[in-house]
C-alpha atoms as a PDB file:
ATOM      1  CA  MET A   1     -22.085 -31.026   6.408  1.00  0.00           C
ATOM      2  CA  ASN A   2     -22.408 -27.289   5.814  1.00  0.00           C
ATOM      3  CA  THR A   3     -22.309 -26.613   2.044  1.00  0.00           C
ATOM      4  CA  TYR A   4     -21.359 -22.968   2.556  1.00  0.00           C
ATOM      5  CA  LEU A   5     -18.244 -23.922   4.556  1.00  0.00           C
ATOM      6  CA  VAL A   6     -17.235 -26.571   2.019  1.00  0.00           C
ATOM      7  CA  ILE A   7     -17.499 -24.059  -0.847  1.00  0.00           C
ATOM      8  CA  LYS A   8     -15.698 -21.425   1.236  1.00  0.00           C
ATOM      9  CA  CYS A   9     -12.864 -23.860   1.919  1.00  0.00           C
ATOM     10  CA  LEU A  10     -12.684 -24.716  -1.796  1.00  0.00           C
ATOM     11  CA  HIS A  11     -12.642 -20.994  -2.617  1.00  0.00           C
ATOM     12  CA  ILE A  12      -9.816 -20.301  -0.168  1.00  0.00           C
ATOM     13  CA  LEU A  13      -7.777 -23.314  -1.265  1.00  0.00           C
ATOM     14  CA  SER A  14      -8.164 -22.450  -4.940  1.00  0.00           C
ATOM     15  CA  SER A  15      -7.145 -18.836  -4.238  1.00  0.00           C
ATOM     16  CA  VAL A  16      -4.015 -20.056  -2.478  1.00  0.00           C
ATOM     17  CA  LEU A  17      -3.303 -22.433  -5.356  1.00  0.00           C
ATOM     18  CA  LEU A  18      -3.857 -19.662  -7.898  1.00  0.00           C
ATOM     19  CA  ALA A  19      -1.656 -17.127  -6.138  1.00  0.00           C
ATOM     20  CA  GLY A  20       0.944 -19.627  -4.981  1.00  0.00           C
ATOM     21  CA  THR A  21       1.384 -21.240  -8.370  1.00  0.00           C
ATOM     22  CA  GLY A  22       1.460 -17.873 -10.098  1.00  0.00           C
ATOM     23  CA  PHE A  23       4.014 -16.372  -7.753  1.00  0.00           C
ATOM     24  CA  GLY A  24       6.070 -19.568  -7.536  1.00  0.00           C
ATOM     25  CA  THR A  25       6.340 -20.172 -11.250  1.00  0.00           C
ATOM     26  CA  ALA A  26       7.071 -16.493 -11.873  1.00  0.00           C
ATOM     27  CA  PHE A  27       9.866 -16.644  -9.295  1.00  0.00           C
ATOM     28  CA  TYR A  28      11.517 -19.658 -10.914  1.00  0.00           C
ATOM     29  CA  LEU A  29      11.246 -18.475 -14.508  1.00  0.00           C
ATOM     30  CA  PHE A  30      12.396 -14.974 -13.533  1.00  0.00           C
ATOM     31  CA  PHE A  31      15.577 -16.389 -11.998  1.00  0.00           C
ATOM     32  CA  ALA A  32      16.073 -19.136 -14.586  1.00  0.00           C
ATOM     33  CA  ASN A  33      16.095 -16.364 -17.200  1.00  0.00           C
ATOM     34  CA  ARG A  34      18.935 -14.725 -15.298  1.00  0.00           C
ATOM     35  CA  SER A  35      20.888 -17.933 -14.704  1.00  0.00           C
ATOM     36  CA  GLY A  36      22.771 -17.982 -17.987  1.00  0.00           C
ATOM     37  CA  SER A  37      21.702 -21.611 -18.454  1.00  0.00           C
ATOM     38  CA  ILE A  38      19.537 -22.249 -21.495  1.00  0.00           C
ATOM     39  CA  ALA A  39      18.933 -25.796 -20.263  1.00  0.00           C
ATOM     40  CA  ALA A  40      17.568 -24.445 -16.973  1.00  0.00           C
ATOM     41  CA  GLN A  41      15.388 -21.971 -18.847  1.00  0.00           C
ATOM     42  CA  ALA A  42      14.028 -24.754 -21.048  1.00  0.00           C
ATOM     43  CA  VAL A  43      13.187 -26.997 -18.095  1.00  0.00           C
ATOM     44  CA  VAL A  44      11.649 -24.239 -15.996  1.00  0.00           C
ATOM     45  CA  ALA A  45       9.652 -22.755 -18.886  1.00  0.00           C
ATOM     46  CA  ARG A  46       8.249 -26.208 -19.730  1.00  0.00           C
ATOM     47  CA  LEU A  47       7.254 -26.779 -16.100  1.00  0.00           C
ATOM     48  CA  VAL A  48       5.707 -23.306 -15.814  1.00  0.00           C
ATOM     49  CA  VAL A  49       3.454 -24.152 -18.765  1.00  0.00           C
ATOM     50  CA  LYS A  50       2.453 -27.425 -17.083  1.00  0.00           C
ATOM     51  CA  ALA A  51       1.810 -25.732 -13.737  1.00  0.00           C
ATOM     52  CA  ASP A  52      -0.466 -23.206 -15.412  1.00  0.00           C
ATOM     53  CA  LEU A  53      -2.393 -26.004 -17.102  1.00  0.00           C
ATOM     54  CA  TRP A  54      -2.641 -28.282 -14.065  1.00  0.00           C
ATOM     55  CA  PHE A  55      -3.047 -25.790 -11.211  1.00  0.00           C
ATOM     56  CA  THR A  56      -3.694 -22.212 -12.332  1.00  0.00           C
ATOM     57  CA  THR A  57      -6.357 -22.925 -14.943  1.00  0.00           C
ATOM     58  CA  PRO A  58      -8.633 -24.983 -12.643  1.00  0.00           C
ATOM     59  CA  ALA A  59      -8.223 -22.387  -9.880  1.00  0.00           C
ATOM     60  CA  ILE A  60      -9.130 -19.589 -12.303  1.00  0.00           C
ATOM     61  CA  ILE A  61     -12.364 -21.430 -13.097  1.00  0.00           C
ATOM     62  CA  ILE A  62     -13.188 -22.295  -9.480  1.00  0.00           C
ATOM     63  CA  GLN A  63     -12.570 -18.780  -8.125  1.00  0.00           C
ATOM     64  CA  PRO A  64     -15.415 -16.864  -9.775  1.00  0.00           C
ATOM     65  CA  LEU A  65     -17.874 -19.748  -9.555  1.00  0.00           C
ATOM     66  CA  SER A  66     -17.293 -20.303  -5.854  1.00  0.00           C
ATOM     67  CA  GLY A  67     -16.909 -16.592  -5.116  1.00  0.00           C
ATOM     68  CA  ILE A  68     -20.191 -15.578  -6.705  1.00  0.00           C
ATOM     69  CA  TRP A  69     -21.958 -18.481  -5.021  1.00  0.00           C
ATOM     70  CA  LEU A  70     -20.508 -17.515  -1.633  1.00  0.00           C
ATOM     71  CA  ALA A  71     -21.366 -13.829  -2.027  1.00  0.00           C
ATOM     72  CA  THR A  72     -24.961 -14.444  -3.062  1.00  0.00           C
ATOM     73  CA  THR A  73     -25.471 -17.145  -0.443  1.00  0.00           C
ATOM     74  CA  ALA A  74     -24.082 -14.845   2.271  1.00  0.00           C
ATOM     75  CA  GLY A  75     -26.398 -12.064   1.112  1.00  0.00           C
ATOM     76  CA  TRP A  76     -23.720  -9.761  -0.323  1.00  0.00           C
ATOM     77  CA  PRO A  77     -25.011  -7.976  -3.407  1.00  0.00           C
ATOM     78  CA  LEU A  78     -22.617  -8.242  -6.344  1.00  0.00           C
ATOM     79  CA  THR A  79     -22.800  -4.440  -6.444  1.00  0.00           C
ATOM     80  CA  ALA A  80     -21.145  -4.126  -3.025  1.00  0.00           C
ATOM     81  CA  PRO A  81     -18.172  -1.805  -3.668  1.00  0.00           C
ATOM     82  CA  TRP A  82     -15.524  -4.142  -2.236  1.00  0.00           C
ATOM     83  CA  LEU A  83     -16.934  -6.997  -4.313  1.00  0.00           C
ATOM     84  CA  MET A  84     -17.137  -4.956  -7.520  1.00  0.00           C
ATOM     85  CA  LEU A  85     -13.536  -3.819  -7.064  1.00  0.00           C
ATOM     86  CA  SER A  86     -12.471  -7.409  -6.312  1.00  0.00           C
ATOM     87  CA  ILE A  87     -14.103  -8.615  -9.511  1.00  0.00           C
ATOM     88  CA  GLY A  88     -12.475  -5.781 -11.453  1.00  0.00           C
ATOM     89  CA  LEU A  89      -9.042  -6.623 -10.074  1.00  0.00           C
ATOM     90  CA  TYR A  90      -9.620 -10.322 -10.784  1.00  0.00           C
ATOM     91  CA  LEU A  91     -10.492  -9.428 -14.391  1.00  0.00           C
ATOM     92  CA  LEU A  92      -7.370  -7.251 -14.619  1.00  0.00           C
ATOM     93  CA  ALA A  93      -5.229 -10.148 -13.405  1.00  0.00           C
ATOM     94  CA  GLY A  94      -6.938 -12.403 -15.954  1.00  0.00           C
ATOM     95  CA  ALA A  95      -6.344  -9.879 -18.728  1.00  0.00           C
ATOM     96  CA  CYS A  96      -2.650 -10.021 -17.844  1.00  0.00           C
ATOM     97  CA  TRP A  97      -2.634 -13.809 -17.510  1.00  0.00           C
ATOM     98  CA  LEU A  98      -4.055 -14.636 -20.942  1.00  0.00           C
ATOM     99  CA  PRO A  99      -1.149 -13.109 -22.895  1.00  0.00           C
ATOM    100  CA  VAL A 100       1.247 -14.502 -20.290  1.00  0.00           C
ATOM    101  CA  VAL A 101       0.082 -18.028 -21.122  1.00  0.00           C
ATOM    102  CA  TRP A 102       0.766 -17.443 -24.805  1.00  0.00           C
ATOM    103  CA  LEU A 103       4.176 -15.907 -24.000  1.00  0.00           C
ATOM    104  CA  GLN A 104       5.089 -18.833 -21.736  1.00  0.00           C
ATOM    105  CA  LEU A 105       4.287 -21.294 -24.515  1.00  0.00           C
ATOM    106  CA  ARG A 106       6.517 -19.357 -26.931  1.00  0.00           C
ATOM    107  CA  LEU A 107       9.313 -19.022 -24.344  1.00  0.00           C
ATOM    108  CA  SER A 108       9.186 -22.742 -23.678  1.00  0.00           C
ATOM    109  CA  ASP A 109       9.244 -23.602 -27.385  1.00  0.00           C
ATOM    110  CA  MET A 110      12.167 -21.272 -28.085  1.00  0.00           C
ATOM    111  CA  ALA A 111      14.157 -22.554 -25.111  1.00  0.00           C
ATOM    112  CA  GLN A 112      13.508 -26.206 -26.072  1.00  0.00           C
ATOM    113  CA  GLN A 113      14.606 -25.433 -29.630  1.00  0.00           C
ATOM    114  CA  ALA A 114      17.769 -23.663 -28.444  1.00  0.00           C
ATOM    115  CA  VAL A 115      18.712 -26.649 -26.287  1.00  0.00           C
ATOM    116  CA  ALA A 116      17.962 -29.160 -29.069  1.00  0.00           C
ATOM    117  CA  THR A 117      20.083 -27.265 -31.599  1.00  0.00           C
ATOM    118  CA  SER A 118      22.764 -26.060 -29.153  1.00  0.00           C
ATOM    119  CA  GLN A 119      22.066 -22.494 -30.258  1.00  0.00           C
ATOM    120  CA  PRO A 120      21.685 -19.350 -28.170  1.00  0.00           C
ATOM    121  CA  LEU A 121      18.235 -18.058 -27.425  1.00  0.00           C
ATOM    122  CA  PRO A 122      16.933 -15.705 -30.107  1.00  0.00           C
ATOM    123  CA  ALA A 123      16.411 -12.008 -29.413  1.00  0.00           C
ATOM    124  CA  LEU A 124      12.666 -12.674 -29.620  1.00  0.00           C
ATOM    125  CA  TYR A 125      12.952 -14.834 -26.481  1.00  0.00           C
ATOM    126  CA  TRP A 126      14.249 -11.881 -24.506  1.00  0.00           C
ATOM    127  CA  ARG A 127      11.574  -9.507 -25.865  1.00  0.00           C
ATOM    128  CA  TYR A 128       8.892 -12.007 -24.884  1.00  0.00           C
ATOM    129  CA  ALA A 129      10.512 -12.533 -21.464  1.00  0.00           C
ATOM    130  CA  ARG A 130      10.371  -8.765 -20.823  1.00  0.00           C
ATOM    131  CA  ARG A 131       6.701  -8.663 -21.855  1.00  0.00           C
ATOM    132  CA  TRP A 132       5.978 -11.715 -19.685  1.00  0.00           C
ATOM    133  CA  GLU A 133       7.623 -10.034 -16.717  1.00  0.00           C
ATOM    134  CA  SER A 134       5.953  -6.658 -17.299  1.00  0.00           C
ATOM    135  CA  LEU A 135       2.513  -8.334 -17.306  1.00  0.00           C
ATOM    136  CA  GLY A 136       3.314 -10.121 -14.060  1.00  0.00           C
ATOM    137  CA  TYR A 137       3.643  -6.987 -11.974  1.00  0.00           C
ATOM    138  CA  PRO A 138       0.108  -5.625 -12.446  1.00  0.00           C
ATOM    139  CA  ALA A 139      -1.289  -9.152 -12.103  1.00  0.00           C
ATOM    140  CA  PHE A 140       0.576  -9.590  -8.805  1.00  0.00           C
ATOM    141  CA  ILE A 141      -0.668  -6.249  -7.468  1.00  0.00           C
ATOM    142  CA  ALA A 142      -4.223  -7.070  -8.564  1.00  0.00           C
ATOM    143  CA  VAL A 143      -4.180 -10.449  -6.799  1.00  0.00           C
ATOM    144  CA  VAL A 144      -2.834  -8.887  -3.604  1.00  0.00           C
ATOM    145  CA  GLY A 145      -5.620  -6.313  -3.851  1.00  0.00           C
ATOM    146  CA  VAL A 146      -8.227  -9.054  -4.234  1.00  0.00           C
ATOM    147  CA  PHE A 147      -6.897 -10.836  -1.141  1.00  0.00           C
ATOM    148  CA  TYR A 148      -7.057  -7.596   0.831  1.00  0.00           C
ATOM    149  CA  LEU A 149     -10.627  -6.885  -0.276  1.00  0.00           C
ATOM    150  CA  MET A 150     -11.821 -10.427   0.368  1.00  0.00           C
ATOM    151  CA  VAL A 151     -10.441 -10.472   3.887  1.00  0.00           C
ATOM    152  CA  ASN A 152     -11.368  -6.933   4.937  1.00  0.00           C
ATOM    153  CA  LYS A 153     -14.514  -6.162   2.891  1.00  0.00           C
ATOM    154  CA  PRO A 154     -13.975  -2.422   3.414  1.00  0.00           C
ATOM    155  CA  ALA A 155     -16.633   0.211   2.890  1.00  0.00           C
ATOM    156  CA  LEU A 156     -15.238   2.003  -0.139  1.00  0.00           C
ATOM    157  CA  TRP A 157     -17.956   4.269  -1.509  1.00  0.00           C
ATOM    158  CA  GLY A 158     -21.732   4.592  -1.538  1.00  0.00           C
END
């Protein structure tokens, strides 16, 4: 069995899991927040938190470990421009994701509380939802950029 191909497959699968879970959960919470149903928001927000714990977090750990191993094994210097930009975009996405995790936990808690008490969502929920959404856009663009760079490995500078 070729170790390089096994790690490469793991790297690709974890990237798909990372992007797919991120985009999928964002899609559902985005539209649940516009549904007018606090119960739907509570369920979706709770599941988004679980998906991040079960799928996104392991993929976030696997990606740099497998990526650096693949690059060094293949003979790509970590200073290759496409690789440096990929790492930078990955770090940007991560910098967006960390506050998103905290926001998702708060959104879930507030939605669960609103359902349990039959109260409307507080104004803070909607402020946090806007912040959550605004962090998603640069993270999405960064992940798309990483995919482009990984596939094409363009000569960028130097």
